[in-house]
Amino acid sequence: KRDAERIVNHCKAAFPDWWDRIGCVSKQVHIFFEGFKFDGLRSACRSHAQAFNASFLALGLNRSWSRFAEASGPKGNEHVANAVIVTDEHGLTFAYVIDSGWFPGKLFPQNSFAIRRHDPDGDGKTDVFALPKISAEPNYEFRSK
């Protein structure tokens, strides 16, 4: 927990934007484990993912969540990363996969809102690189006006 708070304090001081902070947390988790010898029951992937979860929680971004995401390839190539779920200023939830071990700081769209945002024409290529606007206190209502 102390390491997560140290990482978050660094990222909050370095970046005012929430997306930059999330990327910073991922990169700092990666740096934290550089040179660490993983042996026995310790998994590099699970350790990175658990550390990211703890640090993401410490960020304190309301209406957001981080969880483990199965990111395995073929059998024998088990892997775990994180799914980050955030709420934009209109109340839509966007899910991204972030892998602090293999691709620190990079986001991969996971749910339909995120995929349609970045690939509105559905051709499988990223057309929109801007991330949805998020804030500590999303300002939206579920009631129609």
N, C-alpha and C. Protein backbone atom coordinates (compact mmCIF):
# COMPACT_ATOMS: atom_id res chain seq x y z
N LYS A 1 0.83 -1.20 0.00
CA LYS A 1 0.00 0.00 0.00
C LYS A 1 0.87 1.26 0.00
N ARG A 2 1.95 1.23 0.75
CA ARG A 2 2.85 2.39 0.80
C ARG A 2 3.45 2.67 -0.58
N ASP A 3 3.83 1.59 -1.28
CA ASP A 3 4.41 1.76 -2.62
C ASP A 3 3.37 2.33 -3.58
N ALA A 4 2.12 1.87 -3.47
CA ALA A 4 1.05 2.38 -4.33
C ALA A 4 0.84 3.87 -4.07
N GLU A 5 0.84 4.27 -2.83
CA GLU A 5 0.66 5.69 -2.51
C GLU A 5 1.83 6.53 -3.02
N ARG A 6 3.04 5.99 -2.94
CA ARG A 6 4.21 6.70 -3.46
C ARG A 6 4.08 6.89 -4.98
N ILE A 7 3.68 5.83 -5.66
CA ILE A 7 3.50 5.90 -7.12
C ILE A 7 2.44 6.94 -7.47
N VAL A 8 1.31 6.90 -6.77
CA VAL A 8 0.20 7.82 -7.06
C VAL A 8 0.61 9.26 -6.75
N ASN A 9 1.30 9.49 -5.65
CA ASN A 9 1.73 10.85 -5.32
C ASN A 9 2.65 11.41 -6.41
N HIS A 10 3.54 10.56 -6.92
CA HIS A 10 4.42 10.97 -8.02
C HIS A 10 3.59 11.35 -9.25
N CYS A 11 2.65 10.50 -9.62
CA CYS A 11 1.86 10.72 -10.83
C CYS A 11 0.92 11.92 -10.71
N LYS A 12 0.33 12.12 -9.53
CA LYS A 12 -0.53 13.29 -9.33
C LYS A 12 0.26 14.58 -9.39
N ALA A 13 1.48 14.55 -8.86
CA ALA A 13 2.32 15.76 -8.90
C ALA A 13 2.81 16.05 -10.32
N ALA A 14 3.02 15.00 -11.10
CA ALA A 14 3.57 15.16 -12.45
C ALA A 14 2.51 15.51 -13.50
N PHE A 15 1.26 15.07 -13.30
CA PHE A 15 0.24 15.21 -14.34
C PHE A 15 -1.09 15.67 -13.77
N PRO A 16 -1.67 16.73 -14.34
CA PRO A 16 -3.00 17.17 -13.90
C PRO A 16 -4.13 16.34 -14.55
N ASP A 17 -3.88 15.76 -15.72
CA ASP A 17 -4.90 15.03 -16.47
C ASP A 17 -5.02 13.59 -15.96
N TRP A 18 -6.27 13.13 -15.81
CA TRP A 18 -6.49 11.79 -15.27
C TRP A 18 -5.93 10.69 -16.16
N TRP A 19 -6.07 10.81 -17.48
CA TRP A 19 -5.54 9.78 -18.37
C TRP A 19 -4.02 9.71 -18.26
N ASP A 20 -3.37 10.87 -18.17
CA ASP A 20 -1.92 10.88 -18.01
C ASP A 20 -1.52 10.23 -16.68
N ARG A 21 -2.30 10.45 -15.66
CA ARG A 21 -2.03 9.83 -14.36
C ARG A 21 -2.15 8.30 -14.44
N ILE A 22 -3.19 7.84 -15.14
CA ILE A 22 -3.38 6.39 -15.28
C ILE A 22 -2.20 5.78 -16.04
N GLY A 23 -1.77 6.42 -17.12
CA GLY A 23 -0.60 5.95 -17.86
C GLY A 23 0.65 5.99 -17.02
N CYS A 24 0.80 7.04 -16.23
CA CYS A 24 1.95 7.18 -15.35
C CYS A 24 1.98 6.06 -14.32
N VAL A 25 0.84 5.73 -13.74
CA VAL A 25 0.77 4.64 -12.76
C VAL A 25 1.25 3.35 -13.41
N SER A 26 0.78 3.06 -14.61
CA SER A 26 1.20 1.85 -15.31
C SER A 26 2.71 1.82 -15.53
N LYS A 27 3.26 2.94 -15.98
CA LYS A 27 4.71 3.01 -16.23
C LYS A 27 5.50 2.90 -14.93
N GLN A 28 5.02 3.52 -13.86
CA GLN A 28 5.73 3.46 -12.58
C GLN A 28 5.68 2.05 -11.98
N VAL A 29 4.58 1.34 -12.17
CA VAL A 29 4.51 -0.06 -11.73
C VAL A 29 5.54 -0.88 -12.49
N HIS A 30 5.65 -0.64 -13.78
CA HIS A 30 6.65 -1.35 -14.60
C HIS A 30 8.06 -1.08 -14.07
N ILE A 31 8.35 0.18 -13.82
CA ILE A 31 9.68 0.57 -13.31
C ILE A 31 9.93 -0.06 -11.95
N PHE A 32 8.90 -0.10 -11.10
CA PHE A 32 9.03 -0.67 -9.75
C PHE A 32 9.54 -2.11 -9.80
N PHE A 33 9.10 -2.88 -10.79
CA PHE A 33 9.46 -4.30 -10.87
C PHE A 33 10.70 -4.57 -11.72
N GLU A 34 11.31 -3.55 -12.31
CA GLU A 34 12.52 -3.78 -13.10
C GLU A 34 13.60 -4.42 -12.24
N GLY A 35 14.19 -5.50 -12.73
CA GLY A 35 15.26 -6.18 -12.01
C GLY A 35 14.77 -7.13 -10.93
N PHE A 36 13.46 -7.20 -10.71
CA PHE A 36 12.91 -8.09 -9.69
C PHE A 36 12.95 -9.52 -10.20
N LYS A 37 13.41 -10.44 -9.38
CA LYS A 37 13.49 -11.85 -9.78
C LYS A 37 12.20 -12.55 -9.37
N PHE A 38 11.45 -12.96 -10.36
CA PHE A 38 10.20 -13.70 -10.11
C PHE A 38 10.51 -15.18 -10.15
N ASP A 39 10.23 -15.86 -9.05
CA ASP A 39 10.47 -17.30 -8.99
C ASP A 39 9.40 -17.96 -8.14
N GLY A 40 9.34 -19.26 -8.20
CA GLY A 40 8.35 -19.98 -7.40
C GLY A 40 6.94 -19.61 -7.80
N LEU A 41 6.14 -19.23 -6.82
CA LEU A 41 4.73 -18.93 -7.09
C LEU A 41 4.50 -17.49 -7.52
N ARG A 42 5.53 -16.68 -7.50
CA ARG A 42 5.37 -15.27 -7.91
C ARG A 42 5.36 -15.16 -9.43
N SER A 43 4.34 -14.55 -9.93
CA SER A 43 4.20 -14.35 -11.37
C SER A 43 4.43 -12.88 -11.69
N ALA A 44 5.24 -12.62 -12.69
CA ALA A 44 5.49 -11.23 -13.09
C ALA A 44 4.19 -10.55 -13.52
N CYS A 45 3.39 -11.25 -14.30
CA CYS A 45 2.15 -10.66 -14.82
C CYS A 45 1.17 -10.36 -13.70
N ARG A 46 0.96 -11.33 -12.82
CA ARG A 46 0.01 -11.13 -11.73
C ARG A 46 0.52 -10.05 -10.77
N SER A 47 1.82 -10.00 -10.52
CA SER A 47 2.38 -8.97 -9.63
C SER A 47 2.19 -7.58 -10.22
N HIS A 48 2.45 -7.43 -11.52
CA HIS A 48 2.23 -6.14 -12.18
C HIS A 48 0.74 -5.75 -12.09
N ALA A 49 -0.14 -6.71 -12.37
CA ALA A 49 -1.57 -6.43 -12.37
C ALA A 49 -2.07 -6.07 -10.97
N GLN A 50 -1.60 -6.79 -9.95
CA GLN A 50 -2.03 -6.49 -8.58
C GLN A 50 -1.52 -5.11 -8.14
N ALA A 51 -0.28 -4.80 -8.47
CA ALA A 51 0.28 -3.49 -8.11
C ALA A 51 -0.46 -2.37 -8.84
N PHE A 52 -0.83 -2.60 -10.10
CA PHE A 52 -1.60 -1.58 -10.83
C PHE A 52 -2.96 -1.39 -10.17
N ASN A 53 -3.65 -2.50 -9.82
CA ASN A 53 -4.95 -2.39 -9.15
C ASN A 53 -4.85 -1.53 -7.89
N ALA A 54 -3.85 -1.82 -7.06
CA ALA A 54 -3.69 -1.08 -5.80
C ALA A 54 -3.42 0.40 -6.06
N SER A 55 -2.58 0.68 -7.04
CA SER A 55 -2.24 2.07 -7.36
C SER A 55 -3.41 2.79 -8.00
N PHE A 56 -4.13 2.11 -8.89
CA PHE A 56 -5.30 2.73 -9.53
C PHE A 56 -6.34 3.09 -8.47
N LEU A 57 -6.57 2.22 -7.53
CA LEU A 57 -7.52 2.50 -6.45
C LEU A 57 -7.07 3.72 -5.65
N ALA A 58 -5.77 3.81 -5.40
CA ALA A 58 -5.23 4.94 -4.63
C ALA A 58 -5.34 6.27 -5.38
N LEU A 59 -5.52 6.22 -6.71
CA LEU A 59 -5.71 7.46 -7.47
C LEU A 59 -6.96 8.21 -7.02
N GLY A 60 -8.00 7.47 -6.62
CA GLY A 60 -9.21 8.11 -6.13
C GLY A 60 -10.12 8.68 -7.20
N LEU A 61 -10.10 8.11 -8.39
CA LEU A 61 -10.98 8.57 -9.47
C LEU A 61 -12.37 7.97 -9.27
N ASN A 62 -13.35 8.83 -9.00
CA ASN A 62 -14.72 8.36 -8.75
C ASN A 62 -15.31 7.71 -10.00
N ARG A 63 -16.21 6.78 -9.75
CA ARG A 63 -16.91 6.06 -10.81
C ARG A 63 -15.94 5.38 -11.78
N SER A 64 -14.91 4.78 -11.21
CA SER A 64 -13.95 4.04 -12.01
C SER A 64 -13.59 2.76 -11.28
N TRP A 65 -12.95 1.84 -12.00
CA TRP A 65 -12.66 0.54 -11.43
C TRP A 65 -11.53 -0.11 -12.22
N SER A 66 -10.72 -0.89 -11.55
CA SER A 66 -9.69 -1.69 -12.21
C SER A 66 -9.84 -3.12 -11.73
N ARG A 67 -9.69 -4.06 -12.64
CA ARG A 67 -9.78 -5.48 -12.30
C ARG A 67 -8.79 -6.26 -13.15
N PHE A 68 -8.56 -7.51 -12.74
CA PHE A 68 -7.71 -8.38 -13.55
C PHE A 68 -8.43 -8.69 -14.86
N ALA A 69 -7.67 -8.78 -15.94
CA ALA A 69 -8.23 -9.15 -17.24
C ALA A 69 -7.42 -10.31 -17.80
N GLU A 70 -8.10 -11.34 -18.18
CA GLU A 70 -7.45 -12.49 -18.81
C GLU A 70 -6.92 -12.04 -20.16
N ALA A 71 -5.63 -12.18 -20.35
CA ALA A 71 -5.00 -11.71 -21.60
C ALA A 71 -4.16 -12.80 -22.22
N SER A 72 -4.56 -14.05 -22.00
CA SER A 72 -3.77 -15.18 -22.49
C SER A 72 -3.90 -15.36 -23.99
N GLY A 73 -2.85 -15.91 -24.53
CA GLY A 73 -2.86 -16.31 -25.93
C GLY A 73 -3.16 -17.80 -25.99
N PRO A 74 -2.43 -18.52 -26.83
CA PRO A 74 -2.64 -19.96 -26.94
C PRO A 74 -2.30 -20.67 -25.62
N LYS A 75 -2.79 -21.91 -25.48
CA LYS A 75 -2.55 -22.70 -24.27
C LYS A 75 -1.05 -22.74 -23.96
N GLY A 76 -0.73 -22.53 -22.69
CA GLY A 76 0.66 -22.49 -22.27
C GLY A 76 1.24 -21.09 -22.26
N ASN A 77 0.45 -20.13 -22.74
CA ASN A 77 0.90 -18.74 -22.79
C ASN A 77 -0.05 -17.88 -21.93
N GLU A 78 -0.25 -18.34 -20.66
CA GLU A 78 -1.17 -17.64 -19.78
C GLU A 78 -0.63 -16.25 -19.45
N HIS A 79 -1.55 -15.31 -19.38
CA HIS A 79 -1.15 -13.94 -19.11
C HIS A 79 -2.31 -13.20 -18.46
N VAL A 80 -2.00 -12.24 -17.61
CA VAL A 80 -3.03 -11.41 -16.98
C VAL A 80 -2.61 -9.95 -17.10
N ALA A 81 -3.58 -9.09 -17.34
CA ALA A 81 -3.36 -7.65 -17.41
C ALA A 81 -4.46 -7.00 -16.58
N ASN A 82 -4.78 -5.76 -16.84
CA ASN A 82 -5.85 -5.06 -16.12
C ASN A 82 -6.88 -4.51 -17.08
N ALA A 83 -8.12 -4.52 -16.64
CA ALA A 83 -9.17 -3.79 -17.33
C ALA A 83 -9.47 -2.57 -16.49
N VAL A 84 -9.47 -1.41 -17.12
CA VAL A 84 -9.77 -0.15 -16.45
C VAL A 84 -11.11 0.32 -16.98
N ILE A 85 -12.03 0.59 -16.08
CA ILE A 85 -13.35 1.06 -16.46
C ILE A 85 -13.54 2.46 -15.89
N VAL A 86 -13.85 3.41 -16.74
CA VAL A 86 -14.03 4.80 -16.32
C VAL A 86 -15.38 5.31 -16.84
N THR A 87 -15.88 6.35 -16.19
CA THR A 87 -17.14 6.97 -16.58
C THR A 87 -16.85 8.36 -17.12
N ASP A 88 -17.38 8.65 -18.31
CA ASP A 88 -17.12 9.98 -18.88
C ASP A 88 -18.09 11.00 -18.32
N GLU A 89 -18.00 12.22 -18.82
CA GLU A 89 -18.82 13.31 -18.28
C GLU A 89 -20.31 13.18 -18.61
N HIS A 90 -20.66 12.23 -19.49
CA HIS A 90 -22.05 12.00 -19.85
C HIS A 90 -22.63 10.74 -19.21
N GLY A 91 -21.82 10.07 -18.40
CA GLY A 91 -22.28 8.86 -17.72
C GLY A 91 -22.03 7.57 -18.48
N LEU A 92 -21.34 7.63 -19.63
CA LEU A 92 -21.01 6.42 -20.38
C LEU A 92 -19.77 5.77 -19.78
N THR A 93 -19.76 4.45 -19.75
CA THR A 93 -18.60 3.75 -19.21
C THR A 93 -17.74 3.22 -20.36
N PHE A 94 -16.46 3.44 -20.23
CA PHE A 94 -15.49 3.01 -21.23
C PHE A 94 -14.53 2.03 -20.56
N ALA A 95 -14.28 0.91 -21.20
CA ALA A 95 -13.36 -0.09 -20.65
C ALA A 95 -12.16 -0.23 -21.57
N TYR A 96 -10.98 -0.25 -20.96
CA TYR A 96 -9.72 -0.42 -21.68
C TYR A 96 -8.89 -1.48 -20.97
N VAL A 97 -8.08 -2.19 -21.73
CA VAL A 97 -7.09 -3.09 -21.14
C VAL A 97 -5.78 -2.32 -21.09
N ILE A 98 -5.09 -2.45 -19.97
CA ILE A 98 -3.77 -1.84 -19.81
C ILE A 98 -2.86 -2.92 -19.22
N ASP A 99 -1.68 -3.07 -19.80
CA ASP A 99 -0.74 -4.11 -19.41
C ASP A 99 0.56 -3.47 -18.95
N SER A 100 0.71 -3.34 -17.63
CA SER A 100 1.88 -2.66 -17.07
C SER A 100 3.17 -3.44 -17.24
N GLY A 101 3.06 -4.74 -17.52
CA GLY A 101 4.25 -5.56 -17.71
C GLY A 101 4.78 -5.51 -19.13
N TRP A 102 3.91 -5.70 -20.10
CA TRP A 102 4.34 -5.78 -21.50
C TRP A 102 4.23 -4.47 -22.24
N PHE A 103 3.19 -3.69 -21.98
CA PHE A 103 2.95 -2.43 -22.71
C PHE A 103 2.60 -1.31 -21.73
N PRO A 104 3.51 -0.93 -20.85
CA PRO A 104 3.17 0.06 -19.82
C PRO A 104 2.68 1.39 -20.42
N GLY A 105 1.55 1.86 -19.88
CA GLY A 105 1.02 3.15 -20.30
C GLY A 105 0.15 3.12 -21.54
N LYS A 106 0.01 1.97 -22.20
CA LYS A 106 -0.79 1.89 -23.43
C LYS A 106 -2.17 1.31 -23.12
N LEU A 107 -3.18 1.92 -23.70
CA LEU A 107 -4.56 1.49 -23.50
C LEU A 107 -5.09 0.81 -24.76
N PHE A 108 -5.83 -0.27 -24.55
CA PHE A 108 -6.45 -1.01 -25.65
C PHE A 108 -7.95 -1.05 -25.40
N PRO A 109 -8.78 -0.47 -26.31
CA PRO A 109 -10.22 -0.44 -26.10
C PRO A 109 -10.79 -1.84 -25.90
N GLN A 110 -11.72 -1.98 -24.92
CA GLN A 110 -12.26 -3.30 -24.62
C GLN A 110 -13.77 -3.40 -24.81
N ASN A 111 -14.54 -2.40 -24.36
CA ASN A 111 -16.00 -2.54 -24.50
C ASN A 111 -16.49 -1.80 -25.75
N SER A 112 -17.77 -1.95 -26.03
CA SER A 112 -18.31 -1.39 -27.28
C SER A 112 -18.22 0.14 -27.32
N PHE A 113 -18.43 0.82 -26.19
CA PHE A 113 -18.31 2.28 -26.20
C PHE A 113 -16.89 2.71 -26.58
N ALA A 114 -15.89 2.06 -26.00
CA ALA A 114 -14.50 2.42 -26.29
C ALA A 114 -14.14 2.07 -27.73
N ILE A 115 -14.56 0.91 -28.18
CA ILE A 115 -14.23 0.49 -29.55
C ILE A 115 -14.87 1.43 -30.57
N ARG A 116 -16.16 1.75 -30.38
CA ARG A 116 -16.84 2.66 -31.32
C ARG A 116 -16.26 4.06 -31.28
N ARG A 117 -15.80 4.50 -30.10
CA ARG A 117 -15.20 5.83 -30.00
C ARG A 117 -13.95 5.92 -30.86
N HIS A 118 -13.11 4.91 -30.81
CA HIS A 118 -11.81 4.95 -31.49
C HIS A 118 -11.86 4.43 -32.92
N ASP A 119 -12.91 3.68 -33.26
CA ASP A 119 -13.06 3.14 -34.61
C ASP A 119 -14.51 3.32 -35.05
N PRO A 120 -14.94 4.59 -35.26
CA PRO A 120 -16.35 4.84 -35.55
C PRO A 120 -16.85 4.22 -36.85
N ASP A 121 -15.97 3.99 -37.82
CA ASP A 121 -16.44 3.40 -39.08
C ASP A 121 -16.34 1.88 -39.08
N GLY A 122 -15.83 1.28 -38.00
CA GLY A 122 -15.82 -0.17 -37.86
C GLY A 122 -14.90 -0.91 -38.81
N ASP A 123 -13.87 -0.25 -39.32
CA ASP A 123 -12.98 -0.92 -40.27
C ASP A 123 -11.80 -1.63 -39.59
N GLY A 124 -11.76 -1.60 -38.25
CA GLY A 124 -10.68 -2.28 -37.53
C GLY A 124 -9.43 -1.45 -37.36
N LYS A 125 -9.47 -0.19 -37.79
CA LYS A 125 -8.31 0.70 -37.65
C LYS A 125 -8.68 1.86 -36.74
N THR A 126 -7.73 2.29 -35.92
CA THR A 126 -7.97 3.41 -35.01
C THR A 126 -8.04 4.71 -35.80
N ASP A 127 -9.20 5.38 -35.72
CA ASP A 127 -9.39 6.65 -36.39
C ASP A 127 -9.33 7.82 -35.41
N VAL A 128 -9.77 7.59 -34.18
CA VAL A 128 -9.84 8.64 -33.16
C VAL A 128 -8.92 8.23 -32.01
N PHE A 129 -7.92 9.07 -31.76
CA PHE A 129 -6.95 8.76 -30.70
C PHE A 129 -7.29 9.46 -29.39
N ALA A 130 -8.15 10.46 -29.42
CA ALA A 130 -8.51 11.19 -28.20
C ALA A 130 -9.31 10.29 -27.27
N LEU A 131 -8.99 10.36 -25.98
CA LEU A 131 -9.69 9.57 -24.99
C LEU A 131 -10.90 10.34 -24.47
N PRO A 132 -11.91 9.63 -23.96
CA PRO A 132 -13.09 10.34 -23.45
C PRO A 132 -12.72 11.23 -22.26
N LYS A 133 -13.46 12.34 -22.10
CA LYS A 133 -13.19 13.25 -20.98
C LYS A 133 -13.68 12.61 -19.68
N ILE A 134 -12.79 12.55 -18.70
CA ILE A 134 -13.16 12.03 -17.38
C ILE A 134 -12.70 13.05 -16.33
N SER A 135 -13.34 13.00 -15.18
CA SER A 135 -12.96 13.90 -14.10
C SER A 135 -13.21 13.20 -12.77
N ALA A 136 -12.69 13.78 -11.71
CA ALA A 136 -12.86 13.20 -10.38
C ALA A 136 -14.33 13.17 -9.99
N GLU A 137 -15.09 14.14 -10.45
CA GLU A 137 -16.52 14.23 -10.12
C GLU A 137 -17.32 14.40 -11.41
N PRO A 138 -17.67 13.29 -12.08
CA PRO A 138 -18.48 13.43 -13.30
C PRO A 138 -19.77 14.16 -12.98
N ASN A 139 -20.16 15.07 -13.87
CA ASN A 139 -21.34 15.91 -13.65
C ASN A 139 -22.41 15.50 -14.66
N TYR A 140 -23.23 14.53 -14.29
CA TYR A 140 -24.30 14.10 -15.17
C TYR A 140 -25.47 13.62 -14.32
N GLU A 141 -26.64 13.54 -14.94
CA GLU A 141 -27.84 13.03 -14.29
C GLU A 141 -28.41 11.93 -15.13
N PHE A 142 -29.11 11.00 -14.45
CA PHE A 142 -29.78 9.92 -15.18
C PHE A 142 -31.21 10.32 -15.56
N ARG A 143 -31.71 11.40 -15.00
CA ARG A 143 -33.06 11.85 -15.32
C ARG A 143 -33.01 12.73 -16.56
N SER A 144 -34.03 12.61 -17.39
CA SER A 144 -34.11 13.51 -18.54
C SER A 144 -34.62 14.86 -18.07
N LYS A 145 -34.25 15.88 -18.78
CA LYS A 145 -34.60 17.24 -18.39
C LYS A 145 -35.87 17.69 -19.08
